[in-house]
Each structure stands twice: as C-alpha cells, then as structure tokens.
Amino acid sequence: MSRPASIGAGLVALALAGCAAPQASGIVRTPVLRAAASFPNTEAVVMRVELAAGARAGRHSHPGDEIGYVLEGEGQLLIDGAAPRTVRAGEAFVIPAGIVHDAHNPGTATMRLVGVYMVEQGKPLATPAK
C-alpha cells in the first residue's frame, strides 16, 4: 500500500473508532473521511448521516463549520435564534462554528445527508447543548 493510501486508511480507521460511542436514537452517523485541512490546526471530517422518520439529532454545536448536503428525504434545521428551516433532497446548508442547533425529521421517510465539518484538530466533533 502506498504511503498516502495507508495514511488515508489509518485516518478512516481512526474516524470509525471515534464513532463507537452510543448515538441518539434514530440517528446513524457513518464516518467517511477524516483528514488534515490546509488551515493550521484544522481537519475536515466527512460523515454520512441518516435521520429516521420522527427522530431528532439532539441540540448540539460543533467547534467548526458544518456544511451539509441532503441526499434523500427532508427535515428541519432548528438553529437557535432562527426560524425553523426545511431542507430537502438536493439542498445544502451551512451552520457556523459554535452555533447550537438540532435536526428533526418530522416526515415518514429516512433523511440521508452528507455532513462536512471543518474543525479544530483534537476537539470533539460535537458537544451536546446545555
């Protein structure tokens, strides 16, 4: 295996190990990639996220920006201080670092999306809101 391939495989294994903790009921986060970004002390994390019908992600924040793209279904973004926003398949969104938010799927089908997180290295990907 070439050096870049082995580094990539190691990063994916690290990301998979970091998601072994229990997740909120109705949400599945599958790591796709975790890699150093060109910004100092920053890493990019790519996750495939599935939010079951009726489920909520739970109020939380991230230590960096979250960029999402909805692959299937639809759901509501509940961002503190803003009106609820419905996002549907084919739409994207950005949630700035540190902003408390939640996602809710009030529909009858699973919502699937790709989340890209630009976060400070060594920080947890998400922190539950108080």
N, C-alpha and C. Protein backbone atom coordinates (compact mmCIF):
# COMPACT_ATOMS: atom_id res chain seq x y z
N MET A 1 0.85 -1.17 0.00
CA MET A 1 0.00 0.00 0.00
C MET A 1 0.90 1.23 0.00
N SER A 2 0.57 2.23 -0.84
CA SER A 2 1.37 3.44 -0.89
C SER A 2 1.19 4.24 0.39
N ARG A 3 2.13 5.15 0.65
CA ARG A 3 2.07 5.96 1.87
C ARG A 3 0.77 6.77 1.96
N PRO A 4 0.36 7.52 0.90
CA PRO A 4 -0.91 8.26 1.01
C PRO A 4 -2.10 7.34 1.26
N ALA A 5 -2.11 6.17 0.62
CA ALA A 5 -3.24 5.24 0.83
C ALA A 5 -3.25 4.72 2.26
N SER A 6 -2.05 4.41 2.80
CA SER A 6 -2.01 3.90 4.17
C SER A 6 -2.40 4.97 5.17
N ILE A 7 -2.01 6.23 4.91
CA ILE A 7 -2.40 7.33 5.79
C ILE A 7 -3.91 7.49 5.74
N GLY A 8 -4.48 7.46 4.53
CA GLY A 8 -5.93 7.59 4.39
C GLY A 8 -6.67 6.47 5.10
N ALA A 9 -6.17 5.24 4.96
CA ALA A 9 -6.81 4.10 5.63
C ALA A 9 -6.73 4.26 7.13
N GLY A 10 -5.60 4.75 7.62
CA GLY A 10 -5.45 4.97 9.06
C GLY A 10 -6.41 6.03 9.57
N LEU A 11 -6.58 7.10 8.79
CA LEU A 11 -7.50 8.16 9.21
C LEU A 11 -8.94 7.67 9.24
N VAL A 12 -9.32 6.86 8.24
CA VAL A 12 -10.68 6.32 8.25
C VAL A 12 -10.87 5.40 9.45
N ALA A 13 -9.88 4.58 9.76
CA ALA A 13 -9.99 3.70 10.93
C ALA A 13 -10.11 4.52 12.21
N LEU A 14 -9.35 5.61 12.30
CA LEU A 14 -9.43 6.49 13.47
C LEU A 14 -10.83 7.10 13.57
N ALA A 15 -11.37 7.54 12.45
CA ALA A 15 -12.71 8.13 12.46
C ALA A 15 -13.74 7.10 12.88
N LEU A 16 -13.61 5.88 12.39
CA LEU A 16 -14.55 4.84 12.76
C LEU A 16 -14.47 4.55 14.25
N ALA A 17 -13.29 4.53 14.80
CA ALA A 17 -13.13 4.28 16.24
C ALA A 17 -13.75 5.40 17.05
N GLY A 18 -13.66 6.63 16.55
CA GLY A 18 -14.21 7.77 17.27
C GLY A 18 -15.72 7.79 17.31
N CYS A 19 -16.38 6.98 16.52
CA CYS A 19 -17.84 6.97 16.49
C CYS A 19 -18.40 5.74 17.17
N ALA A 20 -17.61 5.08 17.98
CA ALA A 20 -18.09 3.88 18.66
C ALA A 20 -19.02 4.21 19.81
N ALA A 21 -19.04 5.46 20.25
CA ALA A 21 -19.91 5.86 21.36
C ALA A 21 -21.37 5.77 20.93
N PRO A 22 -22.28 5.53 21.87
CA PRO A 22 -23.69 5.45 21.52
C PRO A 22 -24.19 6.74 20.88
N GLN A 23 -25.11 6.62 19.96
CA GLN A 23 -25.68 7.77 19.29
C GLN A 23 -27.14 7.93 19.72
N ALA A 24 -27.67 9.13 19.51
CA ALA A 24 -29.07 9.37 19.81
C ALA A 24 -29.92 8.39 19.01
N SER A 25 -31.03 7.97 19.59
CA SER A 25 -31.92 7.04 18.93
C SER A 25 -32.44 7.63 17.63
N GLY A 26 -32.39 6.86 16.56
CA GLY A 26 -32.93 7.30 15.29
C GLY A 26 -31.94 8.01 14.39
N ILE A 27 -30.69 8.14 14.85
CA ILE A 27 -29.68 8.78 14.01
C ILE A 27 -28.46 7.87 13.90
N VAL A 28 -27.97 7.74 12.67
CA VAL A 28 -26.77 6.94 12.42
C VAL A 28 -25.77 7.84 11.70
N ARG A 29 -24.59 7.98 12.29
CA ARG A 29 -23.51 8.76 11.67
C ARG A 29 -22.40 7.79 11.27
N THR A 30 -22.09 7.76 10.00
CA THR A 30 -21.06 6.87 9.49
C THR A 30 -19.89 7.69 8.98
N PRO A 31 -18.71 7.56 9.60
CA PRO A 31 -17.55 8.31 9.13
C PRO A 31 -17.13 7.86 7.73
N VAL A 32 -16.81 8.83 6.90
CA VAL A 32 -16.33 8.55 5.56
C VAL A 32 -14.86 8.92 5.45
N LEU A 33 -14.47 10.05 6.03
CA LEU A 33 -13.09 10.52 5.94
C LEU A 33 -12.80 11.51 7.06
N ARG A 34 -11.59 11.46 7.57
CA ARG A 34 -11.06 12.46 8.50
C ARG A 34 -9.64 12.74 8.01
N ALA A 35 -9.36 14.02 7.66
CA ALA A 35 -8.04 14.35 7.10
C ALA A 35 -7.65 15.76 7.47
N ALA A 36 -6.35 16.00 7.54
CA ALA A 36 -5.85 17.35 7.81
C ALA A 36 -6.29 18.28 6.69
N ALA A 37 -6.66 19.51 7.07
CA ALA A 37 -7.03 20.53 6.10
C ALA A 37 -5.84 21.48 5.91
N SER A 38 -5.93 22.37 4.95
CA SER A 38 -4.82 23.29 4.68
C SER A 38 -4.74 24.43 5.68
N PHE A 39 -5.79 24.65 6.47
CA PHE A 39 -5.77 25.67 7.51
C PHE A 39 -5.02 25.11 8.72
N PRO A 40 -4.21 25.91 9.39
CA PRO A 40 -3.46 25.42 10.56
C PRO A 40 -4.40 24.83 11.63
N ASN A 41 -4.00 23.70 12.20
CA ASN A 41 -4.73 23.02 13.28
C ASN A 41 -6.18 22.68 12.93
N THR A 42 -6.48 22.47 11.67
CA THR A 42 -7.85 22.19 11.24
C THR A 42 -7.89 20.86 10.50
N GLU A 43 -8.98 20.12 10.72
CA GLU A 43 -9.20 18.88 9.97
C GLU A 43 -10.60 18.89 9.37
N ALA A 44 -10.72 18.20 8.27
CA ALA A 44 -12.01 18.02 7.60
C ALA A 44 -12.53 16.64 7.98
N VAL A 45 -13.80 16.59 8.36
CA VAL A 45 -14.44 15.32 8.69
C VAL A 45 -15.67 15.20 7.80
N VAL A 46 -15.79 14.09 7.10
CA VAL A 46 -16.94 13.83 6.24
C VAL A 46 -17.71 12.67 6.84
N MET A 47 -19.03 12.87 7.02
CA MET A 47 -19.89 11.85 7.61
C MET A 47 -21.11 11.65 6.72
N ARG A 48 -21.56 10.40 6.65
CA ARG A 48 -22.86 10.09 6.05
C ARG A 48 -23.81 9.99 7.23
N VAL A 49 -24.92 10.72 7.17
CA VAL A 49 -25.85 10.80 8.30
C VAL A 49 -27.24 10.34 7.84
N GLU A 50 -27.86 9.50 8.67
CA GLU A 50 -29.24 9.07 8.42
C GLU A 50 -30.06 9.43 9.63
N LEU A 51 -31.16 10.14 9.41
CA LEU A 51 -32.06 10.56 10.47
C LEU A 51 -33.42 9.91 10.18
N ALA A 52 -33.80 8.96 11.03
CA ALA A 52 -35.04 8.20 10.83
C ALA A 52 -36.27 9.11 10.94
N ALA A 53 -37.36 8.66 10.37
CA ALA A 53 -38.63 9.39 10.47
C ALA A 53 -38.96 9.62 11.94
N GLY A 54 -39.29 10.86 12.27
CA GLY A 54 -39.66 11.21 13.63
C GLY A 54 -38.50 11.46 14.58
N ALA A 55 -37.28 11.24 14.15
CA ALA A 55 -36.12 11.36 15.03
C ALA A 55 -35.57 12.79 15.07
N ARG A 56 -34.80 13.05 16.12
CA ARG A 56 -34.07 14.31 16.31
C ARG A 56 -32.60 13.99 16.55
N ALA A 57 -31.74 14.85 16.07
CA ALA A 57 -30.31 14.67 16.31
C ALA A 57 -29.96 15.03 17.75
N GLY A 58 -30.68 15.97 18.34
CA GLY A 58 -30.36 16.47 19.68
C GLY A 58 -29.60 17.79 19.56
N ARG A 59 -29.91 18.75 20.43
CA ARG A 59 -29.27 20.06 20.38
C ARG A 59 -27.78 19.92 20.68
N HIS A 60 -26.97 20.52 19.81
CA HIS A 60 -25.52 20.43 19.93
C HIS A 60 -24.86 21.55 19.15
N SER A 61 -23.55 21.64 19.27
CA SER A 61 -22.77 22.59 18.47
C SER A 61 -21.49 21.89 18.02
N HIS A 62 -20.78 22.52 17.09
CA HIS A 62 -19.53 21.99 16.57
C HIS A 62 -18.43 23.05 16.74
N PRO A 63 -17.17 22.63 16.92
CA PRO A 63 -16.09 23.60 17.08
C PRO A 63 -15.62 24.20 15.75
N GLY A 64 -16.34 23.92 14.70
CA GLY A 64 -16.04 24.47 13.37
C GLY A 64 -17.31 24.44 12.54
N ASP A 65 -17.23 24.94 11.34
CA ASP A 65 -18.40 25.00 10.47
C ASP A 65 -18.89 23.60 10.08
N GLU A 66 -20.21 23.48 9.95
CA GLU A 66 -20.83 22.27 9.40
C GLU A 66 -21.43 22.64 8.06
N ILE A 67 -21.11 21.85 7.04
CA ILE A 67 -21.65 22.04 5.70
C ILE A 67 -22.40 20.76 5.36
N GLY A 68 -23.68 20.86 5.05
CA GLY A 68 -24.47 19.68 4.78
C GLY A 68 -25.10 19.69 3.40
N TYR A 69 -25.29 18.48 2.86
CA TYR A 69 -25.97 18.31 1.58
C TYR A 69 -26.95 17.16 1.74
N VAL A 70 -28.24 17.43 1.51
CA VAL A 70 -29.29 16.43 1.69
C VAL A 70 -29.36 15.55 0.45
N LEU A 71 -29.16 14.25 0.66
CA LEU A 71 -29.21 13.28 -0.43
C LEU A 71 -30.62 12.78 -0.70
N GLU A 72 -31.34 12.48 0.38
CA GLU A 72 -32.70 11.94 0.27
C GLU A 72 -33.56 12.48 1.41
N GLY A 73 -34.85 12.59 1.13
CA GLY A 73 -35.80 12.99 2.16
C GLY A 73 -35.74 14.47 2.46
N GLU A 74 -36.28 14.82 3.61
CA GLU A 74 -36.28 16.21 4.05
C GLU A 74 -36.36 16.26 5.56
N GLY A 75 -36.00 17.40 6.10
CA GLY A 75 -36.05 17.57 7.55
C GLY A 75 -35.99 19.04 7.89
N GLN A 76 -36.03 19.32 9.18
CA GLN A 76 -35.99 20.70 9.66
C GLN A 76 -34.67 20.95 10.37
N LEU A 77 -34.05 22.09 10.05
CA LEU A 77 -32.91 22.58 10.81
C LEU A 77 -33.46 23.53 11.85
N LEU A 78 -33.13 23.29 13.09
CA LEU A 78 -33.59 24.12 14.20
C LEU A 78 -32.36 24.79 14.79
N ILE A 79 -32.11 26.02 14.35
CA ILE A 79 -30.93 26.76 14.75
C ILE A 79 -31.35 27.81 15.77
N ASP A 80 -30.70 27.79 16.95
CA ASP A 80 -31.05 28.75 17.99
C ASP A 80 -31.04 30.17 17.44
N GLY A 81 -32.12 30.91 17.71
CA GLY A 81 -32.23 32.29 17.28
C GLY A 81 -32.75 32.47 15.87
N ALA A 82 -33.06 31.39 15.16
CA ALA A 82 -33.55 31.49 13.79
C ALA A 82 -34.85 30.68 13.65
N ALA A 83 -35.63 31.04 12.65
CA ALA A 83 -36.85 30.28 12.36
C ALA A 83 -36.47 28.89 11.85
N PRO A 84 -37.29 27.86 12.12
CA PRO A 84 -37.00 26.53 11.57
C PRO A 84 -36.89 26.61 10.05
N ARG A 85 -35.97 25.83 9.52
CA ARG A 85 -35.75 25.81 8.06
C ARG A 85 -35.89 24.39 7.56
N THR A 86 -36.76 24.20 6.57
CA THR A 86 -36.91 22.89 5.95
C THR A 86 -35.86 22.74 4.85
N VAL A 87 -35.15 21.62 4.87
CA VAL A 87 -34.17 21.31 3.82
C VAL A 87 -34.59 20.01 3.17
N ARG A 88 -34.48 19.97 1.85
CA ARG A 88 -34.93 18.82 1.06
C ARG A 88 -33.78 18.27 0.23
N ALA A 89 -33.99 17.08 -0.32
CA ALA A 89 -33.00 16.45 -1.20
C ALA A 89 -32.55 17.45 -2.26
N GLY A 90 -31.23 17.53 -2.44
CA GLY A 90 -30.67 18.45 -3.42
C GLY A 90 -30.31 19.80 -2.86
N GLU A 91 -30.63 20.06 -1.60
CA GLU A 91 -30.32 21.35 -0.98
C GLU A 91 -29.14 21.21 -0.03
N ALA A 92 -28.47 22.33 0.19
CA ALA A 92 -27.31 22.36 1.08
C ALA A 92 -27.51 23.43 2.15
N PHE A 93 -26.71 23.35 3.20
CA PHE A 93 -26.77 24.34 4.27
C PHE A 93 -25.41 24.47 4.94
N VAL A 94 -25.23 25.59 5.64
CA VAL A 94 -24.02 25.83 6.42
C VAL A 94 -24.45 26.30 7.80
N ILE A 95 -23.85 25.69 8.83
CA ILE A 95 -24.08 26.12 10.20
C ILE A 95 -22.72 26.56 10.75
N PRO A 96 -22.60 27.85 11.13
CA PRO A 96 -21.31 28.35 11.61
C PRO A 96 -20.87 27.68 12.92
N ALA A 97 -19.58 27.70 13.16
CA ALA A 97 -18.98 27.14 14.37
C ALA A 97 -19.63 27.71 15.63
N GLY A 98 -19.86 26.82 16.60
CA GLY A 98 -20.34 27.24 17.90
C GLY A 98 -21.83 27.51 18.01
N ILE A 99 -22.56 27.46 16.91
CA ILE A 99 -24.00 27.75 16.93
C ILE A 99 -24.76 26.48 17.36
N VAL A 100 -25.61 26.63 18.38
CA VAL A 100 -26.40 25.49 18.86
C VAL A 100 -27.53 25.24 17.87
N HIS A 101 -27.69 23.97 17.51
CA HIS A 101 -28.71 23.59 16.53
C HIS A 101 -29.16 22.16 16.75
N ASP A 102 -30.21 21.79 16.05
CA ASP A 102 -30.78 20.44 16.08
C ASP A 102 -31.30 20.15 14.68
N ALA A 103 -31.52 18.91 14.40
CA ALA A 103 -32.17 18.50 13.15
C ALA A 103 -33.32 17.60 13.54
N HIS A 104 -34.45 17.77 12.87
CA HIS A 104 -35.64 16.98 13.16
C HIS A 104 -36.20 16.48 11.85
N ASN A 105 -36.59 15.21 11.83
CA ASN A 105 -37.22 14.63 10.66
C ASN A 105 -38.68 14.35 11.01
N PRO A 106 -39.58 15.29 10.71
CA PRO A 106 -40.99 15.09 11.03
C PRO A 106 -41.72 14.22 10.00
N GLY A 107 -41.01 13.80 8.97
CA GLY A 107 -41.63 13.05 7.88
C GLY A 107 -41.79 11.57 8.16
N THR A 108 -42.09 10.82 7.10
CA THR A 108 -42.33 9.39 7.22
C THR A 108 -41.22 8.55 6.58
N ALA A 109 -40.22 9.22 6.00
CA ALA A 109 -39.09 8.52 5.36
C ALA A 109 -37.78 8.99 5.97
N THR A 110 -36.77 8.15 5.90
CA THR A 110 -35.45 8.50 6.42
C THR A 110 -34.84 9.64 5.62
N MET A 111 -34.24 10.58 6.32
CA MET A 111 -33.50 11.67 5.70
C MET A 111 -32.03 11.25 5.67
N ARG A 112 -31.40 11.34 4.50
CA ARG A 112 -29.99 10.98 4.36
C ARG A 112 -29.22 12.20 3.86
N LEU A 113 -28.09 12.45 4.49
CA LEU A 113 -27.29 13.60 4.07
C LEU A 113 -25.81 13.33 4.27
N VAL A 114 -25.01 14.17 3.65
CA VAL A 114 -23.57 14.16 3.85
C VAL A 114 -23.25 15.42 4.64
N GLY A 115 -22.53 15.25 5.74
CA GLY A 115 -22.09 16.39 6.55
C GLY A 115 -20.58 16.51 6.46
N VAL A 116 -20.11 17.73 6.21
CA VAL A 116 -18.68 18.02 6.18
C VAL A 116 -18.42 19.01 7.30
N TYR A 117 -17.46 18.70 8.13
CA TYR A 117 -17.16 19.52 9.30
C TYR A 117 -15.71 19.97 9.20
N MET A 118 -15.49 21.26 9.32
CA MET A 118 -14.13 21.81 9.37
C MET A 118 -13.91 22.19 10.82
N VAL A 119 -13.12 21.38 11.53
CA VAL A 119 -13.00 21.55 12.97
C VAL A 119 -11.54 21.63 13.41
N GLU A 120 -11.34 22.21 14.57
CA GLU A 120 -10.00 22.30 15.15
C GLU A 120 -9.54 20.90 15.54
N GLN A 121 -8.32 20.56 15.17
CA GLN A 121 -7.78 19.25 15.50
C GLN A 121 -7.77 19.04 17.01
N GLY A 122 -8.13 17.83 17.42
CA GLY A 122 -8.12 17.50 18.83
C GLY A 122 -9.39 17.85 19.59
N LYS A 123 -10.30 18.59 18.97
CA LYS A 123 -11.57 18.94 19.60
C LYS A 123 -12.60 17.87 19.26
N PRO A 124 -13.58 17.65 20.15
CA PRO A 124 -14.65 16.70 19.79
C PRO A 124 -15.44 17.26 18.61
N LEU A 125 -15.95 16.36 17.79
CA LEU A 125 -16.70 16.78 16.62
C LEU A 125 -17.96 17.55 17.00
N ALA A 126 -18.62 17.13 18.07
CA ALA A 126 -19.85 17.80 18.51
C ALA A 126 -19.89 17.82 20.03
N THR A 127 -20.56 18.84 20.57
CA THR A 127 -20.75 18.97 22.01
C THR A 127 -22.23 19.14 22.27
N PRO A 128 -22.85 18.30 23.11
CA PRO A 128 -24.27 18.47 23.43
C PRO A 128 -24.52 19.85 24.05
N ALA A 129 -25.66 20.46 23.73
CA ALA A 129 -26.01 21.77 24.28
C ALA A 129 -26.62 21.58 25.67
N LYS A 130 -26.42 22.56 26.50
CA LYS A 130 -26.98 22.51 27.87
C LYS A 130 -28.39 23.03 27.88
